[in-house]
């Protein structure tokens, strides 16, 4: 019988993909599951603000632009690191909720990959 084995999430090669989906900026990072050190990160402004029908009482964003910023950030992370991702952690915008019609929010973008 073999000795104790480390948890898969604590393996030195395993990474966690952190995603912060904000309405102004999207941020991503790769964190070592072994020592919790950030090994790679990136961010991109969404430029998603839209005029609201409620004027100054409302705040609206173009969800497609937020998704595009997310895709761009992830596409800039090294492939050799992305294949080591074993967990994904996601946080969202600070206030409110994001709504969109089916099929209108996510479009695949090819950022040179």
PDB file of N, CA and C in Angstrom:
ATOM      1  N   UNK A   1       0.852  -1.177   0.000  1.00  0.00           N
ATOM      2  CA  UNK A   1       0.000   0.000   0.000  1.00  0.00           C
ATOM      3  C   UNK A   1       0.897   1.239   0.000  1.00  0.00           C
ATOM      4  N   UNK A   2       0.555   2.212  -0.792  1.00  0.00           N
ATOM      5  CA  UNK A   2       1.373   3.419  -0.872  1.00  0.00           C
ATOM      6  C   UNK A   2       1.079   4.349   0.295  1.00  0.00           C
ATOM      7  N   UNK A   3       2.012   5.278   0.530  1.00  0.00           N
ATOM      8  CA  UNK A   3       1.877   6.246   1.619  1.00  0.00           C
ATOM      9  C   UNK A   3       0.843   7.306   1.288  1.00  0.00           C
ATOM     10  N   UNK A   4       0.685   8.288   2.185  1.00  0.00           N
ATOM     11  CA  UNK A   4      -0.301   9.347   1.984  1.00  0.00           C
ATOM     12  C   UNK A   4      -0.001  10.137   0.708  1.00  0.00           C
ATOM     13  N   UNK A   5      -1.049  10.512   0.019  1.00  0.00           N
ATOM     14  CA  UNK A   5      -0.904  11.304  -1.194  1.00  0.00           C
ATOM     15  C   UNK A   5      -1.479  12.687  -0.960  1.00  0.00           C
ATOM     16  N   UNK A   6      -0.900  13.657  -1.662  1.00  0.00           N
ATOM     17  CA  UNK A   6      -1.410  15.017  -1.508  1.00  0.00           C
ATOM     18  C   UNK A   6      -2.745  15.152  -2.233  1.00  0.00           C
ATOM     19  N   UNK A   7      -3.548  16.062  -1.737  1.00  0.00           N
ATOM     20  CA  UNK A   7      -4.827  16.355  -2.381  1.00  0.00           C
ATOM     21  C   UNK A   7      -4.556  16.880  -3.785  1.00  0.00           C
ATOM     22  N   UNK A   8      -5.364  16.502  -4.774  1.00  0.00           N
ATOM     23  CA  UNK A   8      -5.132  16.989  -6.134  1.00  0.00           C
ATOM     24  C   UNK A   8      -5.071  18.511  -6.216  1.00  0.00           C
ATOM     25  N   UNK A   9      -5.856  19.202  -5.396  1.00  0.00           N
ATOM     26  CA  UNK A   9      -5.871  20.660  -5.465  1.00  0.00           C
ATOM     27  C   UNK A   9      -4.618  21.281  -4.860  1.00  0.00           C
ATOM     28  N   UNK A  10      -3.810  20.504  -4.140  1.00  0.00           N
ATOM     29  CA  UNK A  10      -2.600  21.033  -3.517  1.00  0.00           C
ATOM     30  C   UNK A  10      -1.341  20.662  -4.298  1.00  0.00           C
ATOM     31  N   UNK A  11      -1.477  19.982  -5.416  1.00  0.00           N
ATOM     32  CA  UNK A  11      -0.339  19.586  -6.236  1.00  0.00           C
ATOM     33  C   UNK A  11       0.390  20.845  -6.719  1.00  0.00           C
ATOM     34  N   UNK A  12       1.728  20.856  -6.664  1.00  0.00           N
ATOM     35  CA  UNK A  12       2.483  22.056  -7.050  1.00  0.00           C
ATOM     36  C   UNK A  12       2.201  22.563  -8.467  1.00  0.00           C
ATOM     37  N   UNK A  13       1.753  21.697  -9.346  1.00  0.00           N
ATOM     38  CA  UNK A  13       1.503  22.109 -10.725  1.00  0.00           C
ATOM     39  C   UNK A  13       0.077  22.610 -10.956  1.00  0.00           C
ATOM     40  N   UNK A  14      -0.826  22.376 -10.017  1.00  0.00           N
ATOM     41  CA  UNK A  14      -2.229  22.750 -10.216  1.00  0.00           C
ATOM     42  C   UNK A  14      -2.440  24.247  -9.992  1.00  0.00           C
ATOM     43  N   UNK A  15      -3.317  24.812 -10.813  1.00  0.00           N
ATOM     44  CA  UNK A  15      -3.612  26.239 -10.727  1.00  0.00           C
ATOM     45  C   UNK A  15      -5.110  26.472 -10.579  1.00  0.00           C
ATOM     46  N   UNK A  16      -5.441  27.594  -9.973  1.00  0.00           N
ATOM     47  CA  UNK A  16      -6.821  28.057  -9.863  1.00  0.00           C
ATOM     48  C   UNK A  16      -6.948  29.277 -10.771  1.00  0.00           C
ATOM     49  N   UNK A  17      -7.987  29.292 -11.602  1.00  0.00           N
ATOM     50  CA  UNK A  17      -8.274  30.453 -12.437  1.00  0.00           C
ATOM     51  C   UNK A  17      -9.249  31.340 -11.686  1.00  0.00           C
ATOM     52  N   UNK A  18      -8.830  32.540 -11.358  1.00  0.00           N
ATOM     53  CA  UNK A  18      -9.688  33.516 -10.698  1.00  0.00           C
ATOM     54  C   UNK A  18     -10.220  34.503 -11.723  1.00  0.00           C
ATOM     55  N   UNK A  19     -11.521  34.759 -11.673  1.00  0.00           N
ATOM     56  CA  UNK A  19     -12.165  35.669 -12.624  1.00  0.00           C
ATOM     57  C   UNK A  19     -13.010  36.667 -11.848  1.00  0.00           C
ATOM     58  N   UNK A  20     -12.759  37.956 -12.089  1.00  0.00           N
ATOM     59  CA  UNK A  20     -13.564  39.022 -11.494  1.00  0.00           C
ATOM     60  C   UNK A  20     -14.265  39.742 -12.640  1.00  0.00           C
ATOM     61  N   UNK A  21     -15.573  39.522 -12.748  1.00  0.00           N
ATOM     62  CA  UNK A  21     -16.350  40.118 -13.834  1.00  0.00           C
ATOM     63  C   UNK A  21     -16.985  41.402 -13.321  1.00  0.00           C
ATOM     64  N   UNK A  22     -16.343  42.514 -13.608  1.00  0.00           N
ATOM     65  CA  UNK A  22     -16.865  43.812 -13.207  1.00  0.00           C
ATOM     66  C   UNK A  22     -17.512  44.509 -14.386  1.00  0.00           C
ATOM     67  N   UNK A  23     -18.284  45.544 -14.102  1.00  0.00           N
ATOM     68  CA  UNK A  23     -18.928  46.276 -15.189  1.00  0.00           C
ATOM     69  C   UNK A  23     -17.970  47.271 -15.837  1.00  0.00           C
ATOM     70  N   UNK A  24     -16.907  47.668 -15.139  1.00  0.00           N
ATOM     71  CA  UNK A  24     -15.912  48.572 -15.727  1.00  0.00           C
ATOM     72  C   UNK A  24     -14.651  47.844 -16.162  1.00  0.00           C
ATOM     73  N   UNK A  25     -14.258  46.840 -15.403  1.00  0.00           N
ATOM     74  CA  UNK A  25     -13.033  46.095 -15.692  1.00  0.00           C
ATOM     75  C   UNK A  25     -13.247  44.618 -15.401  1.00  0.00           C
ATOM     76  N   UNK A  26     -12.680  43.783 -16.258  1.00  0.00           N
ATOM     77  CA  UNK A  26     -12.642  42.339 -16.025  1.00  0.00           C
ATOM     78  C   UNK A  26     -11.201  41.997 -15.675  1.00  0.00           C
ATOM     79  N   UNK A  27     -11.023  41.175 -14.644  1.00  0.00           N
ATOM     80  CA  UNK A  27      -9.680  40.774 -14.217  1.00  0.00           C
ATOM     81  C   UNK A  27      -9.623  39.260 -14.131  1.00  0.00           C
ATOM     82  N   UNK A  28      -8.466  38.711 -14.469  1.00  0.00           N
ATOM     83  CA  UNK A  28      -8.241  37.274 -14.339  1.00  0.00           C
ATOM     84  C   UNK A  28      -6.885  37.056 -13.688  1.00  0.00           C
ATOM     85  N   UNK A  29      -6.752  35.925 -13.017  1.00  0.00           N
ATOM     86  CA  UNK A  29      -5.452  35.567 -12.459  1.00  0.00           C
ATOM     87  C   UNK A  29      -5.345  34.050 -12.372  1.00  0.00           C
ATOM     88  N   UNK A  30      -4.119  33.590 -12.383  1.00  0.00           N
ATOM     89  CA  UNK A  30      -3.825  32.186 -12.133  1.00  0.00           C
ATOM     90  C   UNK A  30      -3.079  32.127 -10.817  1.00  0.00           C
ATOM     91  N   UNK A  31      -3.587  31.306  -9.907  1.00  0.00           N
ATOM     92  CA  UNK A  31      -3.028  31.194  -8.564  1.00  0.00           C
ATOM     93  C   UNK A  31      -2.582  29.757  -8.342  1.00  0.00           C
ATOM     94  N   UNK A  32      -1.401  29.599  -7.766  1.00  0.00           N
ATOM     95  CA  UNK A  32      -0.912  28.261  -7.443  1.00  0.00           C
ATOM     96  C   UNK A  32      -1.802  27.647  -6.372  1.00  0.00           C
ATOM     97  N   UNK A  33      -2.309  26.448  -6.634  1.00  0.00           N
ATOM     98  CA  UNK A  33      -3.123  25.746  -5.634  1.00  0.00           C
ATOM     99  C   UNK A  33      -2.245  25.264  -4.487  1.00  0.00           C
ATOM    100  N   UNK A  34      -0.952  25.184  -4.724  1.00  0.00           N
ATOM    101  CA  UNK A  34      -0.012  24.678  -3.719  1.00  0.00           C
ATOM    102  C   UNK A  34       0.326  25.743  -2.671  1.00  0.00           C
ATOM    103  N   UNK A  35       0.723  26.946  -3.130  1.00  0.00           N
ATOM    104  CA  UNK A  35       1.177  27.966  -2.174  1.00  0.00           C
ATOM    105  C   UNK A  35       0.378  29.270  -2.227  1.00  0.00           C
ATOM    106  N   UNK A  36      -0.684  29.302  -3.038  1.00  0.00           N
ATOM    107  CA  UNK A  36      -1.595  30.447  -3.141  1.00  0.00           C
ATOM    108  C   UNK A  36      -0.934  31.719  -3.681  1.00  0.00           C
ATOM    109  N   UNK A  37       0.144  31.578  -4.403  1.00  0.00           N
ATOM    110  CA  UNK A  37       0.814  32.721  -5.009  1.00  0.00           C
ATOM    111  C   UNK A  37       0.238  32.980  -6.402  1.00  0.00           C
ATOM    112  N   UNK A  38       0.045  34.250  -6.736  1.00  0.00           N
ATOM    113  CA  UNK A  38      -0.413  34.613  -8.076  1.00  0.00           C
ATOM    114  C   UNK A  38       0.758  34.416  -9.037  1.00  0.00           C
ATOM    115  N   UNK A  39       0.538  33.614 -10.075  1.00  0.00           N
ATOM    116  CA  UNK A  39       1.610  33.336 -11.030  1.00  0.00           C
ATOM    117  C   UNK A  39       1.403  34.070 -12.359  1.00  0.00           C
ATOM    118  N   UNK A  40       0.195  34.540 -12.614  1.00  0.00           N
ATOM    119  CA  UNK A  40      -0.097  35.282 -13.844  1.00  0.00           C
ATOM    120  C   UNK A  40      -1.382  36.063 -13.624  1.00  0.00           C
ATOM    121  N   UNK A  41      -1.482  37.245 -14.219  1.00  0.00           N
ATOM    122  CA  UNK A  41      -2.724  38.011 -14.089  1.00  0.00           C
ATOM    123  C   UNK A  41      -2.886  38.951 -15.279  1.00  0.00           C
ATOM    124  N   UNK A  42      -4.093  39.443 -15.435  1.00  0.00           N
ATOM    125  CA  UNK A  42      -4.371  40.402 -16.492  1.00  0.00           C
ATOM    126  C   UNK A  42      -5.717  41.056 -16.271  1.00  0.00           C
ATOM    127  N   UNK A  43      -5.926  42.173 -16.949  1.00  0.00           N
ATOM    128  CA  UNK A  43      -7.209  42.866 -16.837  1.00  0.00           C
ATOM    129  C   UNK A  43      -7.485  43.632 -18.127  1.00  0.00           C
ATOM    130  N   UNK A  44      -8.739  44.008 -18.283  1.00  0.00           N
ATOM    131  CA  UNK A  44      -9.137  44.794 -19.456  1.00  0.00           C
ATOM    132  C   UNK A  44     -10.383  45.588 -19.099  1.00  0.00           C
ATOM    133  N   UNK A  45     -10.370  46.866 -19.481  1.00  0.00           N
ATOM    134  CA  UNK A  45     -11.568  47.684 -19.308  1.00  0.00           C
ATOM    135  C   UNK A  45     -12.650  47.167 -20.244  1.00  0.00           C
ATOM    136  N   UNK A  46     -13.893  47.181 -19.767  1.00  0.00           N
ATOM    137  CA  UNK A  46     -14.988  46.663 -20.592  1.00  0.00           C
ATOM    138  C   UNK A  46     -15.520  47.697 -21.575  1.00  0.00           C
ATOM    139  N   UNK A  47     -15.445  48.970 -21.214  1.00  0.00           N
ATOM    140  CA  UNK A  47     -16.021  50.050 -22.036  1.00  0.00           C
ATOM    141  C   UNK A  47     -17.466  49.711 -22.393  1.00  0.00           C
ATOM    142  N   UNK A  48     -18.198  49.220 -21.392  1.00  0.00           N
ATOM    143  CA  UNK A  48     -19.541  48.677 -21.627  1.00  0.00           C
ATOM    144  C   UNK A  48     -20.688  49.600 -21.233  1.00  0.00           C
ATOM    145  N   UNK A  49     -20.397  50.783 -20.718  1.00  0.00           N
ATOM    146  CA  UNK A  49     -21.468  51.671 -20.248  1.00  0.00           C
ATOM    147  C   UNK A  49     -22.373  52.116 -21.390  1.00  0.00           C
ATOM    148  N   UNK A  50     -23.678  52.106 -21.115  1.00  0.00           N
ATOM    149  CA  UNK A  50     -24.698  52.543 -22.070  1.00  0.00           C
ATOM    150  C   UNK A  50     -25.555  53.622 -21.426  1.00  0.00           C
ATOM    151  N   UNK A  51     -26.165  54.452 -22.252  1.00  0.00           N
ATOM    152  CA  UNK A  51     -27.133  55.417 -21.731  1.00  0.00           C
ATOM    153  C   UNK A  51     -28.359  54.645 -21.256  1.00  0.00           C
ATOM    154  N   UNK A  52     -28.852  55.005 -20.083  1.00  0.00           N
ATOM    155  CA  UNK A  52     -30.011  54.324 -19.515  1.00  0.00           C
ATOM    156  C   UNK A  52     -31.286  55.101 -19.814  1.00  0.00           C
ATOM    157  N   UNK A  53     -32.378  54.369 -20.012  1.00  0.00           N
ATOM    158  CA  UNK A  53     -33.687  55.007 -20.187  1.00  0.00           C
ATOM    159  C   UNK A  53     -34.094  55.770 -18.930  1.00  0.00           C
ATOM    160  N   UNK A  54     -33.498  55.415 -17.795  1.00  0.00           N
ATOM    161  CA  UNK A  54     -33.812  56.076 -16.529  1.00  0.00           C
ATOM    162  C   UNK A  54     -32.939  57.306 -16.293  1.00  0.00           C
ATOM    163  N   UNK A  55     -32.106  57.653 -17.259  1.00  0.00           N
ATOM    164  CA  UNK A  55     -31.225  58.807 -17.102  1.00  0.00           C
ATOM    165  C   UNK A  55     -30.226  58.579 -15.982  1.00  0.00           C
ATOM    166  N   UNK A  56     -30.023  59.599 -15.130  1.00  0.00           N
ATOM    167  CA  UNK A  56     -29.030  59.468 -14.059  1.00  0.00           C
ATOM    168  C   UNK A  56     -29.437  58.477 -12.959  1.00  0.00           C
ATOM    169  N   UNK A  57     -30.692  58.028 -12.974  1.00  0.00           N
ATOM    170  CA  UNK A  57     -31.143  57.061 -11.964  1.00  0.00           C
ATOM    171  C   UNK A  57     -30.818  55.622 -12.355  1.00  0.00           C
ATOM    172  N   UNK A  58     -30.363  55.420 -13.576  1.00  0.00           N
ATOM    173  CA  UNK A  58     -30.081  54.063 -14.047  1.00  0.00           C
ATOM    174  C   UNK A  58     -28.648  53.922 -14.530  1.00  0.00           C
ATOM    175  N   UNK A  59     -28.200  52.698 -14.537  1.00  0.00           N
ATOM    176  CA  UNK A  59     -26.866  52.379 -15.041  1.00  0.00           C
ATOM    177  C   UNK A  59     -26.970  51.073 -15.815  1.00  0.00           C
ATOM    178  N   UNK A  60     -26.599  51.105 -17.075  1.00  0.00           N
ATOM    179  CA  UNK A  60     -26.702  49.908 -17.907  1.00  0.00           C
ATOM    180  C   UNK A  60     -25.377  49.656 -18.609  1.00  0.00           C
ATOM    181  N   UNK A  61     -25.122  48.383 -18.893  1.00  0.00           N
ATOM    182  CA  UNK A  61     -23.912  47.985 -19.581  1.00  0.00           C
ATOM    183  C   UNK A  61     -24.251  47.048 -20.735  1.00  0.00           C
ATOM    184  N   UNK A  62     -23.370  47.015 -21.716  1.00  0.00           N
ATOM    185  CA  UNK A  62     -23.471  46.096 -22.844  1.00  0.00           C
ATOM    186  C   UNK A  62     -22.804  44.787 -22.419  1.00  0.00           C
ATOM    187  N   UNK A  63     -23.599  43.754 -22.172  1.00  0.00           N
ATOM    188  CA  UNK A  63     -23.089  42.472 -21.672  1.00  0.00           C
ATOM    189  C   UNK A  63     -22.116  41.847 -22.665  1.00  0.00           C
ATOM    190  N   UNK A  64     -22.367  42.012 -23.950  1.00  0.00           N
ATOM    191  CA  UNK A  64     -21.459  41.454 -24.961  1.00  0.00           C
ATOM    192  C   UNK A  64     -20.046  42.017 -24.783  1.00  0.00           C
ATOM    193  N   UNK A  65     -19.937  43.311 -24.479  1.00  0.00           N
ATOM    194  CA  UNK A  65     -18.610  43.910 -24.275  1.00  0.00           C
ATOM    195  C   UNK A  65     -17.936  43.347 -23.028  1.00  0.00           C
ATOM    196  N   UNK A  66     -18.708  43.058 -21.993  1.00  0.00           N
ATOM    197  CA  UNK A  66     -18.141  42.451 -20.780  1.00  0.00           C
ATOM    198  C   UNK A  66     -17.631  41.049 -21.098  1.00  0.00           C
ATOM    199  N   UNK A  67     -18.425  40.268 -21.818  1.00  0.00           N
ATOM    200  CA  UNK A  67     -18.008  38.909 -22.198  1.00  0.00           C
ATOM    201  C   UNK A  67     -16.791  38.940 -23.109  1.00  0.00           C
ATOM    202  N   UNK A  68     -16.737  39.907 -24.018  1.00  0.00           N
ATOM    203  CA  UNK A  68     -15.584  40.036 -24.910  1.00  0.00           C
ATOM    204  C   UNK A  68     -14.321  40.356 -24.115  1.00  0.00           C
ATOM    205  N   UNK A  69     -14.432  41.228 -23.124  1.00  0.00           N
ATOM    206  CA  UNK A  69     -13.278  41.549 -22.278  1.00  0.00           C
ATOM    207  C   UNK A  69     -12.806  40.310 -21.521  1.00  0.00           C
ATOM    208  N   UNK A  70     -13.750  39.501 -21.040  1.00  0.00           N
ATOM    209  CA  UNK A  70     -13.395  38.258 -20.343  1.00  0.00           C
ATOM    210  C   UNK A  70     -12.663  37.303 -21.285  1.00  0.00           C
ATOM    211  N   UNK A  71     -13.215  37.104 -22.471  1.00  0.00           N
ATOM    212  CA  UNK A  71     -12.569  36.216 -23.443  1.00  0.00           C
ATOM    213  C   UNK A  71     -11.166  36.709 -23.784  1.00  0.00           C
ATOM    214  N   UNK A  72     -11.013  38.011 -23.946  1.00  0.00           N
ATOM    215  CA  UNK A  72      -9.703  38.574 -24.263  1.00  0.00           C
ATOM    216  C   UNK A  72      -8.709  38.282 -23.141  1.00  0.00           C
ATOM    217  N   UNK A  73      -9.116  38.538 -21.902  1.00  0.00           N
ATOM    218  CA  UNK A  73      -8.215  38.306 -20.759  1.00  0.00           C
ATOM    219  C   UNK A  73      -7.776  36.850 -20.670  1.00  0.00           C
ATOM    220  N   UNK A  74      -8.724  35.933 -20.784  1.00  0.00           N
ATOM    221  CA  UNK A  74      -8.387  34.506 -20.691  1.00  0.00           C
ATOM    222  C   UNK A  74      -7.499  34.099 -21.865  1.00  0.00           C
ATOM    223  N   UNK A  75      -7.743  34.659 -23.045  1.00  0.00           N
ATOM    224  CA  UNK A  75      -6.943  34.299 -24.222  1.00  0.00           C
ATOM    225  C   UNK A  75      -5.494  34.739 -24.088  1.00  0.00           C
ATOM    226  N   UNK A  76      -5.219  35.695 -23.223  1.00  0.00           N
ATOM    227  CA  UNK A  76      -3.857  36.190 -23.023  1.00  0.00           C
ATOM    228  C   UNK A  76      -3.083  35.397 -21.964  1.00  0.00           C
ATOM    229  N   UNK A  77      -3.758  34.514 -21.249  1.00  0.00           N
ATOM    230  CA  UNK A  77      -3.062  33.660 -20.282  1.00  0.00           C
ATOM    231  C   UNK A  77      -2.339  32.550 -21.046  1.00  0.00           C
ATOM    232  N   UNK A  78      -1.134  32.184 -20.623  1.00  0.00           N
ATOM    233  CA  UNK A  78      -0.369  31.159 -21.342  1.00  0.00           C
ATOM    234  C   UNK A  78      -1.099  29.813 -21.382  1.00  0.00           C
ATOM    235  N   UNK A  79      -1.159  29.224 -22.577  1.00  0.00           N
ATOM    236  CA  UNK A  79      -1.840  27.931 -22.746  1.00  0.00           C
ATOM    237  C   UNK A  79      -1.254  26.870 -21.828  1.00  0.00           C
ATOM    238  N   UNK A  80       0.077  26.879 -21.682  1.00  0.00           N
ATOM    239  CA  UNK A  80       0.711  25.851 -20.849  1.00  0.00           C
ATOM    240  C   UNK A  80       0.302  25.975 -19.381  1.00  0.00           C
ATOM    241  N   UNK A  81      -0.156  27.148 -18.977  1.00  0.00           N
ATOM    242  CA  UNK A  81      -0.671  27.319 -17.619  1.00  0.00           C
ATOM    243  C   UNK A  81      -2.160  26.980 -17.560  1.00  0.00           C
ATOM    244  N   UNK A  82      -2.915  27.356 -18.585  1.00  0.00           N
ATOM    245  CA  UNK A  82      -4.359  27.085 -18.589  1.00  0.00           C
ATOM    246  C   UNK A  82      -4.663  25.592 -18.512  1.00  0.00           C
ATOM    247  N   UNK A  83      -3.832  24.760 -19.114  1.00  0.00           N
ATOM    248  CA  UNK A  83      -4.086  23.314 -19.064  1.00  0.00           C
ATOM    249  C   UNK A  83      -3.876  22.756 -17.660  1.00  0.00           C
ATOM    250  N   UNK A  84      -3.254  23.536 -16.771  1.00  0.00           N
ATOM    251  CA  UNK A  84      -3.022  23.096 -15.392  1.00  0.00           C
ATOM    252  C   UNK A  84      -4.125  23.562 -14.439  1.00  0.00           C
ATOM    253  N   UNK A  85      -5.139  24.266 -14.952  1.00  0.00           N
ATOM    254  CA  UNK A  85      -6.232  24.767 -14.108  1.00  0.00           C
ATOM    255  C   UNK A  85      -7.109  23.602 -13.664  1.00  0.00           C
ATOM    256  N   UNK A  86      -7.284  23.486 -12.339  1.00  0.00           N
ATOM    257  CA  UNK A  86      -8.131  22.433 -11.771  1.00  0.00           C
ATOM    258  C   UNK A  86      -9.389  22.996 -11.119  1.00  0.00           C
ATOM    259  N   UNK A  87      -9.398  24.300 -10.845  1.00  0.00           N
ATOM    260  CA  UNK A  87     -10.550  24.949 -10.217  1.00  0.00           C
ATOM    261  C   UNK A  87     -10.717  26.341 -10.819  1.00  0.00           C
ATOM    262  N   UNK A  88     -11.949  26.842 -10.796  1.00  0.00           N
ATOM    263  CA  UNK A  88     -12.247  28.188 -11.277  1.00  0.00           C
ATOM    264  C   UNK A  88     -13.043  28.903 -10.194  1.00  0.00           C
ATOM    265  N   UNK A  89     -12.626  30.129  -9.867  1.00  0.00           N
ATOM    266  CA  UNK A  89     -13.337  30.955  -8.888  1.00  0.00           C
ATOM    267  C   UNK A  89     -13.815  32.215  -9.606  1.00  0.00           C
ATOM    268  N   UNK A  90     -15.104  32.544  -9.451  1.00  0.00           N
ATOM    269  CA  UNK A  90     -15.691  33.675 -10.172  1.00  0.00           C
ATOM    270  C   UNK A  90     -16.367  34.621  -9.190  1.00  0.00           C
ATOM    271  N   UNK A  91     -16.141  35.914  -9.383  1.00  0.00           N
ATOM    272  CA  UNK A  91     -16.907  36.920  -8.644  1.00  0.00           C
ATOM    273  C   UNK A  91     -17.562  37.823  -9.678  1.00  0.00           C
ATOM    274  N   UNK A  92     -18.640  38.487  -9.278  1.00  0.00           N
ATOM    275  CA  UNK A  92     -19.391  39.297 -10.233  1.00  0.00           C
ATOM    276  C   UNK A  92     -19.395  40.764  -9.870  1.00  0.00           C
ATOM    277  N   UNK A  93     -20.186  41.533 -10.621  1.00  0.00           N
ATOM    278  CA  UNK A  93     -20.252  42.972 -10.404  1.00  0.00           C
ATOM    279  C   UNK A  93     -20.759  43.279  -8.996  1.00  0.00           C
ATOM    280  N   UNK A  94     -20.464  44.474  -8.534  1.00  0.00           N
ATOM    281  CA  UNK A  94     -20.709  44.819  -7.133  1.00  0.00           C
ATOM    282  C   UNK A  94     -22.192  44.958  -6.776  1.00  0.00           C
ATOM    283  N   UNK A  95     -22.958  45.669  -7.579  1.00  0.00           N
ATOM    284  CA  UNK A  95     -24.359  45.935  -7.237  1.00  0.00           C
ATOM    285  C   UNK A  95     -25.262  45.513  -8.389  1.00  0.00           C
ATOM    286  N   UNK A  96     -26.448  45.055  -8.071  1.00  0.00           N
ATOM    287  CA  UNK A  96     -27.416  44.746  -9.109  1.00  0.00           C
ATOM    288  C   UNK A  96     -27.228  43.377  -9.724  1.00  0.00           C
ATOM    289  N   UNK A  97     -27.718  43.240 -10.945  1.00  0.00           N
ATOM    290  CA  UNK A  97     -27.622  41.970 -11.654  1.00  0.00           C
ATOM    291  C   UNK A  97     -27.419  42.245 -13.137  1.00  0.00           C
ATOM    292  N   UNK A  98     -26.951  41.241 -13.837  1.00  0.00           N
ATOM    293  CA  UNK A  98     -26.748  41.356 -15.276  1.00  0.00           C
ATOM    294  C   UNK A  98     -27.785  40.486 -15.965  1.00  0.00           C
ATOM    295  N   UNK A  99     -28.564  41.081 -16.846  1.00  0.00           N
ATOM    296  CA  UNK A  99     -29.598  40.363 -17.591  1.00  0.00           C
ATOM    297  C   UNK A  99     -29.354  40.551 -19.078  1.00  0.00           C
ATOM    298  N   UNK A 100     -29.656  39.522 -19.846  1.00  0.00           N
ATOM    299  CA  UNK A 100     -29.641  39.673 -21.291  1.00  0.00           C
ATOM    300  C   UNK A 100     -30.555  38.646 -21.910  1.00  0.00           C
ATOM    301  N   UNK A 101     -30.924  38.898 -23.155  1.00  0.00           N
ATOM    302  CA  UNK A 101     -31.800  37.981 -23.877  1.00  0.00           C
ATOM    303  C   UNK A 101     -30.998  36.767 -24.318  1.00  0.00           C
ATOM    304  N   UNK A 102     -31.645  35.617 -24.364  1.00  0.00           N
ATOM    305  CA  UNK A 102     -30.997  34.386 -24.795  1.00  0.00           C
ATOM    306  C   UNK A 102     -30.337  34.586 -26.153  1.00  0.00           C
ATOM    307  N   UNK A 103     -29.061  34.185 -26.230  1.00  0.00           N
ATOM    308  CA  UNK A 103     -28.336  34.263 -27.490  1.00  0.00           C
ATOM    309  C   UNK A 103     -27.722  35.610 -27.804  1.00  0.00           C
ATOM    310  N   UNK A 104     -27.983  36.633 -27.004  1.00  0.00           N
ATOM    311  CA  UNK A 104     -27.458  37.961 -27.305  1.00  0.00           C
ATOM    312  C   UNK A 104     -26.230  38.348 -26.493  1.00  0.00           C
ATOM    313  N   UNK A 105     -25.902  37.611 -25.452  1.00  0.00           N
ATOM    314  CA  UNK A 105     -24.827  38.048 -24.568  1.00  0.00           C
ATOM    315  C   UNK A 105     -23.458  37.496 -24.896  1.00  0.00           C
ATOM    316  N   UNK A 106     -23.368  36.292 -25.417  1.00  0.00           N
ATOM    317  CA  UNK A 106     -22.078  35.642 -25.593  1.00  0.00           C
ATOM    318  C   UNK A 106     -21.868  35.314 -27.057  1.00  0.00           C
ATOM    319  N   UNK A 107     -20.806  35.842 -27.611  1.00  0.00           N
ATOM    320  CA  UNK A 107     -20.409  35.509 -28.979  1.00  0.00           C
ATOM    321  C   UNK A 107     -18.948  35.098 -28.931  1.00  0.00           C
ATOM    322  N   UNK A 108     -18.639  34.020 -29.607  1.00  0.00           N
ATOM    323  CA  UNK A 108     -17.262  33.530 -29.589  1.00  0.00           C
ATOM    324  C   UNK A 108     -16.366  34.495 -30.354  1.00  0.00           C
ATOM    325  N   UNK A 109     -15.230  34.831 -29.747  1.00  0.00           N
ATOM    326  CA  UNK A 109     -14.227  35.673 -30.376  1.00  0.00           C
ATOM    327  C   UNK A 109     -12.938  34.891 -30.499  1.00  0.00           C
ATOM    328  N   UNK A 110     -12.265  35.051 -31.602  1.00  0.00           N
ATOM    329  CA  UNK A 110     -10.990  34.374 -31.802  1.00  0.00           C
ATOM    330  C   UNK A 110      -9.886  35.410 -31.672  1.00  0.00           C
ATOM    331  N   UNK A 111      -9.196  35.406 -30.556  1.00  0.00           N
ATOM    332  CA  UNK A 111      -8.121  36.349 -30.309  1.00  0.00           C
ATOM    333  C   UNK A 111      -6.776  35.722 -30.651  1.00  0.00           C
ATOM    334  N   UNK A 112      -6.668  35.185 -31.853  1.00  0.00           N
ATOM    335  CA  UNK A 112      -5.401  34.634 -32.310  1.00  0.00           C
ATOM    336  C   UNK A 112      -5.079  33.262 -31.774  1.00  0.00           C
ATOM    337  N   UNK A 113      -6.073  32.536 -31.277  1.00  0.00           N
ATOM    338  CA  UNK A 113      -5.806  31.196 -30.738  1.00  0.00           C
ATOM    339  C   UNK A 113      -6.500  30.163 -31.567  1.00  0.00           C
TER     340      UNK A 113
END
